[in-house]
Protein backbone atom coordinates (compact mmCIF):
# COMPACT_ATOMS: atom_id res chain seq x y z
CA MET A 1 199.75 -204.52 79.63
CA SER A 2 200.74 -201.06 77.62
CA THR A 3 201.30 -202.82 74.41
CA ALA A 4 197.82 -204.51 74.84
CA ARG A 5 196.03 -201.32 76.24
CA SER A 6 197.66 -200.19 72.72
CA ARG A 7 196.69 -202.21 70.72
CA LEU A 8 192.84 -202.07 71.90
CA HIS A 9 192.58 -198.44 71.56
CA ARG A 10 194.00 -198.33 68.23
CA SER A 11 190.99 -201.06 67.27
CA ARG A 12 188.68 -198.91 68.85
CA ARG A 13 189.72 -195.90 66.85
CA ARG A 14 189.36 -197.41 63.66
CA HIS A 15 186.20 -199.24 64.44
CA GLY A 16 184.89 -195.55 64.85
CA LEU A 17 186.33 -194.26 61.58
CA VAL A 18 184.81 -196.84 60.09
CA THR A 19 181.35 -196.04 61.29
CA ILE A 20 181.98 -192.47 61.25
CA ALA A 21 182.56 -192.93 57.19
CA GLY A 22 179.44 -195.26 57.00
CA PHE A 23 177.34 -192.90 58.42
CA ALA A 24 178.70 -190.10 56.21
CA LEU A 25 178.16 -192.46 53.15
CA THR A 26 174.66 -193.07 53.85
CA ALA A 27 174.09 -189.21 53.96
CA MET A 28 175.60 -188.66 50.73
CA LEU A 29 173.64 -191.43 49.02
CA LEU A 30 170.20 -189.84 50.63
CA SER A 31 171.27 -186.41 49.61
CA ALA A 32 171.79 -187.48 45.96
CA CYS A 33 168.33 -189.39 45.77
CA ALA A 34 166.39 -186.22 47.33
CA THR A 35 168.36 -183.89 44.64
CA SER A 36 168.15 -186.42 41.71
CA GLY A 37 164.84 -188.14 41.80
CA PRO A 38 161.21 -186.49 40.97
CA SER A 39 159.69 -184.73 43.70
CA PRO A 40 155.90 -185.79 44.63
CA ASP A 41 154.21 -183.45 42.45
CA ALA A 42 156.79 -183.52 39.32
CA THR A 43 154.19 -185.86 37.43
CA THR A 44 151.27 -183.30 37.74
CA ALA A 45 153.05 -179.82 37.70
CA SER A 46 154.99 -181.01 34.52
CA SER A 47 155.22 -182.97 32.12
CA ALA A 48 157.03 -183.64 28.46
CA PRO A 49 155.65 -182.74 25.16
CA THR A 50 153.09 -185.24 23.63
CA THR A 51 154.31 -186.86 20.78
CA VAL A 52 151.69 -188.06 17.88
CA ASP A 53 152.29 -190.51 15.75
CA PRO A 54 151.27 -189.05 11.83
CA SER A 55 150.40 -192.44 10.39
CA THR A 56 147.36 -192.26 13.56
CA THR A 57 146.52 -188.95 12.66
CA PRO A 58 143.33 -188.53 10.25
CA GLU A 59 144.14 -186.55 7.10
CA PRO A 60 141.33 -183.62 7.16
CA THR A 61 138.52 -183.22 4.73
CA PRO A 62 138.15 -180.61 1.87
CA ALA A 63 135.25 -179.23 3.80
CA GLU A 64 137.77 -179.15 7.11
CA THR A 65 139.88 -176.88 5.59
CA ALA A 66 138.03 -174.81 2.55
CA PRO A 67 135.32 -172.64 3.49
CA THR A 68 132.23 -173.66 2.05
CA GLU A 69 131.18 -171.88 -1.13
CA GLU A 70 127.96 -172.07 -3.23
CA ALA A 71 128.07 -173.37 -6.37
CA PRO A 72 127.93 -170.20 -9.07
CA THR A 73 124.69 -169.92 -11.10
CA SER A 74 124.93 -168.58 -14.50
CA ALA A 75 122.82 -165.93 -15.91
CA PRO A 76 119.86 -167.12 -17.57
CA ALA A 77 120.10 -166.91 -21.28
CA PHE A 78 118.14 -164.59 -22.89
CA ASP A 79 114.81 -165.70 -24.60
CA LYS A 80 114.52 -164.68 -28.42
CA THR A 81 110.85 -166.25 -27.87
CA ALA A 82 109.63 -163.68 -25.32
CA MET A 83 107.89 -161.69 -27.86
CA SER A 84 106.32 -162.51 -31.33
CA ILE A 85 108.48 -161.29 -34.37
CA ASP A 86 105.59 -161.58 -36.77
CA ASP A 87 103.16 -160.12 -35.34
CA PRO A 88 102.63 -156.38 -35.98
CA ALA A 89 101.80 -155.27 -32.32
CA SER A 90 104.82 -156.49 -30.59
CA LEU A 91 107.53 -154.67 -29.62
CA TRP A 92 109.56 -157.03 -31.59
CA VAL A 93 108.11 -157.41 -34.86
CA VAL A 94 110.53 -158.10 -37.87
CA SER A 95 109.33 -156.00 -41.04
CA ASP A 96 111.75 -156.15 -44.02
CA LYS A 97 111.37 -156.50 -47.86
CA LEU A 98 110.90 -160.61 -46.72
CA ARG A 99 108.50 -160.11 -44.40
CA PRO A 100 105.63 -157.63 -44.73
CA LEU A 101 103.08 -156.96 -42.17
CA SER A 102 100.04 -159.01 -41.75
CA PRO A 103 97.94 -157.74 -42.26
CA ALA A 104 98.97 -155.44 -45.01
CA ASP A 105 96.99 -151.98 -43.68
CA TYR A 106 98.09 -152.83 -40.28
CA ALA A 107 97.28 -149.86 -37.69
CA PRO A 108 98.10 -149.83 -33.90
CA THR A 109 95.42 -149.11 -31.42
CA ASP A 110 97.64 -147.17 -28.67
CA LEU A 111 98.93 -144.19 -30.63
CA VAL A 112 99.61 -140.68 -28.86
CA THR A 113 101.36 -137.48 -29.84
CA VAL A 114 104.51 -136.83 -28.20
CA ASP A 115 105.17 -133.97 -26.73
CA VAL A 116 108.51 -132.78 -28.50
CA ALA A 117 109.74 -130.54 -31.40
CA HIS A 118 109.07 -131.76 -34.63
CA GLN A 119 108.79 -131.06 -38.50
CA ASN A 120 105.57 -133.65 -38.95
CA PRO A 121 103.30 -134.92 -36.71
CA PRO A 122 105.11 -136.78 -33.51
CA VAL A 123 102.72 -139.37 -33.15
CA LEU A 124 103.79 -142.86 -31.83
CA ARG A 125 102.19 -146.03 -29.75
CA LYS A 126 102.85 -145.13 -26.31
CA GLU A 127 105.81 -147.33 -24.89
CA PRO A 128 108.14 -145.60 -27.58
CA ALA A 129 106.63 -142.67 -26.88
CA ALA A 130 107.46 -142.30 -23.37
CA ALA A 131 111.03 -143.58 -24.45
CA LEU A 132 111.22 -140.87 -27.03
CA LEU A 133 111.01 -138.07 -24.23
CA GLN A 134 113.48 -140.00 -22.02
CA LEU A 135 115.86 -139.78 -25.06
CA PHE A 136 115.55 -136.33 -26.18
CA ALA A 137 116.04 -135.16 -22.85
CA ALA A 138 118.99 -137.11 -22.12
CA GLY A 139 120.74 -136.66 -24.80
CA GLU A 140 120.22 -132.49 -24.57
CA ALA A 141 121.28 -133.22 -20.99
CA GLU A 142 124.53 -135.05 -21.74
CA GLY A 143 125.67 -132.44 -24.50
CA ALA A 144 124.59 -133.91 -27.62
CA GLY A 145 121.78 -131.19 -28.11
CA ALA A 146 118.06 -130.66 -28.81
CA MET A 147 116.46 -133.18 -31.35
CA GLN A 148 113.10 -133.04 -33.32
CA VAL A 149 111.20 -135.61 -34.98
CA GLN A 150 111.05 -135.40 -38.49
CA SER A 151 108.91 -138.23 -39.27
CA ALA A 152 106.78 -140.88 -36.91
CA TYR A 153 104.31 -142.68 -37.48
CA ARG A 154 102.48 -143.11 -41.30
CA SER A 155 99.51 -144.82 -41.82
CA TYR A 156 99.50 -147.80 -44.97
CA ALA A 157 97.73 -145.06 -47.12
CA THR A 158 100.56 -142.26 -46.14
CA GLN A 159 102.89 -144.94 -46.98
CA VAL A 160 101.39 -145.34 -50.39
CA SER A 161 101.63 -141.92 -50.93
CA VAL A 162 105.74 -141.55 -49.42
CA TYR A 163 106.63 -144.56 -51.91
CA ASP A 164 104.87 -143.56 -54.79
CA GLY A 165 106.81 -140.38 -54.73
CA TRP A 166 109.64 -141.85 -54.48
CA VAL A 167 109.44 -143.81 -57.70
CA LYS A 168 108.82 -140.57 -59.49
CA GLN A 169 111.38 -138.81 -58.21
CA LEU A 170 114.19 -141.93 -58.42
CA GLY A 171 112.63 -144.80 -60.21
CA GLN A 172 111.00 -147.69 -58.44
CA ALA A 173 114.93 -149.38 -58.20
CA GLN A 174 116.27 -146.55 -56.24
CA ALA A 175 113.47 -145.69 -54.17
CA ASP A 176 113.55 -149.41 -52.91
CA ILE A 177 116.69 -148.69 -51.47
CA GLN A 178 115.31 -145.54 -49.78
CA SER A 179 111.86 -145.96 -48.86
CA ALA A 180 109.74 -149.06 -47.99
CA ARG A 181 107.03 -150.57 -50.38
CA PRO A 182 103.24 -149.70 -48.54
CA GLY A 183 102.58 -152.47 -46.15
CA TYR A 184 106.31 -153.15 -45.03
CA SER A 185 107.27 -150.15 -43.71
CA GLU A 186 108.45 -150.17 -40.30
CA HIS A 187 106.71 -146.81 -39.92
CA GLN A 188 103.87 -148.30 -40.04
CA THR A 189 103.90 -150.28 -36.33
CA GLY A 190 103.94 -146.95 -34.75
CA LEU A 191 107.49 -148.01 -33.22
CA VAL A 192 109.95 -146.04 -35.38
CA VAL A 193 111.14 -142.27 -34.97
CA ASP A 194 113.14 -140.30 -37.94
CA ILE A 195 115.00 -137.69 -35.82
CA SER A 196 116.87 -134.56 -37.18
CA PRO A 197 118.86 -131.94 -35.05
CA VAL A 198 117.48 -128.37 -33.81
CA PRO A 199 118.46 -126.54 -35.50
CA LEU A 200 117.57 -128.35 -38.47
CA SER A 201 120.17 -129.98 -40.48
CA CYS A 202 121.18 -132.75 -42.05
CA ALA A 203 117.51 -133.91 -42.33
CA LEU A 204 117.00 -137.64 -43.95
CA GLN A 205 120.41 -137.39 -45.03
CA ALA A 206 123.64 -139.83 -43.98
CA CYS A 207 125.56 -136.05 -42.77
CA MET A 208 123.10 -136.87 -39.87
CA GLY A 209 125.29 -139.30 -38.30
CA ASP A 210 128.18 -136.78 -38.30
CA THR A 211 126.08 -134.27 -36.26
CA PRO A 212 127.01 -134.28 -32.19
CA GLN A 213 123.18 -135.59 -32.10
CA GLY A 214 123.95 -138.29 -34.68
CA LYS A 215 127.23 -139.52 -33.02
CA TRP A 216 125.13 -139.49 -29.23
CA LEU A 217 122.04 -141.39 -30.91
CA ALA A 218 124.51 -144.16 -32.28
CA ALA A 219 126.35 -144.85 -29.21
CA ASN A 220 123.38 -143.95 -26.59
CA ALA A 221 120.12 -144.91 -28.09
CA TRP A 222 120.09 -148.55 -27.08
CA ARG A 223 120.38 -147.49 -23.19
CA TYR A 224 116.27 -146.31 -24.09
CA GLY A 225 115.30 -149.20 -26.30
CA TRP A 226 116.02 -148.00 -29.28
CA LEU A 227 118.00 -149.44 -32.35
CA LEU A 228 119.99 -148.01 -35.12
CA ARG A 229 117.92 -149.99 -37.93
CA TYR A 230 119.81 -149.48 -41.20
CA PRO A 231 123.44 -149.25 -40.13
CA ALA A 232 125.93 -148.20 -42.68
CA ASP A 233 127.06 -151.76 -43.50
CA LYS A 234 124.21 -153.75 -43.78
CA THR A 235 122.54 -152.79 -46.21
CA ALA A 236 123.08 -156.38 -47.45
CA VAL A 237 121.21 -157.59 -44.79
CA THR A 238 118.44 -155.03 -44.34
CA GLY A 239 117.98 -153.98 -47.94
CA PHE A 240 117.99 -150.42 -46.86
CA THR A 241 120.88 -147.65 -47.40
CA TYR A 242 122.49 -145.94 -44.23
CA GLU A 243 119.73 -144.04 -42.18
CA PRO A 244 121.48 -142.56 -39.60
CA TRP A 245 118.36 -140.61 -38.61
CA HIS A 246 115.72 -144.00 -38.54
CA PHE A 247 115.46 -145.54 -34.80
CA ARG A 248 113.39 -148.41 -34.24
CA TYR A 249 111.87 -149.02 -30.46
CA ILE A 250 112.61 -152.50 -29.50
CA GLY A 251 112.45 -152.02 -25.45
CA VAL A 252 115.21 -151.74 -23.35
CA PRO A 253 115.71 -155.46 -22.57
CA LEU A 254 116.29 -156.58 -26.40
CA ALA A 255 118.41 -153.27 -26.95
CA THR A 256 120.63 -154.33 -24.32
CA GLU A 257 121.45 -157.63 -25.50
CA MET A 258 122.27 -156.78 -28.87
CA HIS A 259 124.41 -154.15 -27.86
CA ASP A 260 125.84 -156.28 -25.16
CA GLN A 261 126.18 -159.11 -28.41
CA HIS A 262 127.10 -156.12 -30.75
CA ILE A 263 124.65 -156.96 -32.91
CA THR A 264 123.07 -154.55 -35.38
CA THR A 265 120.32 -155.62 -37.07
CA LEU A 266 117.11 -157.81 -35.81
CA GLU A 267 117.66 -160.23 -38.95
CA GLU A 268 121.24 -161.18 -37.38
CA PHE A 269 120.34 -161.26 -33.86
CA PHE A 270 116.57 -163.63 -34.80
CA GLY A 271 118.90 -165.56 -37.23
CA LEU A 272 116.31 -164.51 -40.14
CA PRO A 273 117.39 -164.44 -43.89
CA ALA A 274 119.06 -160.92 -45.15
CA ALA A 275 116.63 -159.10 -47.40
CA PRO A 276 118.32 -157.26 -50.11
CA THR A 277 115.12 -157.78 -52.30
CA TYR A 278 112.03 -158.10 -51.91
CA ALA A 279 110.79 -161.76 -53.10
CA ASN A 280 108.49 -159.98 -56.06
């Protein structure tokens, strides 16, 4: 009996151990599931970064990658036909040895006397008269010194007298490179002034270009619409010797355009033939 009871006791003990071990294993499995499995909110609280397939992404267009810019607009070309170069009343009239004034005895209708220092009557057309006041004031204000009018408008009759005087003094060949024949003179247009320094020096002489006034005029007259009409290196084009005192009014737009293009004669700017001599 004792042996049988002993066996029964050992059997029950083993069964209890197995049961306990089973419960322990179940608990371990449940614990592992609880720690390694996703929580109920895992998919909503956080998620892995989304990977995009480049092959399915459209390329940005140029309009999306660069700021919109307006197409550049170029400045309008200077209109060389805006004024006549033939009409003696035009600010752009070109008078040279091949281009006489028409009519030959033309006289402006808007002549005025300019209130400036002068050797001879300072008579000009209205627009260049106002521009001359600005020119003289600017030259003095910028340190060039005072200036005066040596000669301005000359009528056809006056030009006859002036030209004949040069012919008598120098002969016609020499007179023709120093003074225009009647009907060809820019002075007759009322758009020209001969300038000399104050106090008077180098009047109507090449040395005028070496004076402070002459240097300033050569560099700045264009700002006020004036052109040094007979440059030293353009006698073959204009037909006249260097006259650093002779300034022709052409207006600020044309003077500025010629200055910017580095063109110094009206003949070259307008594509006209050189005029070294008279046609007859």
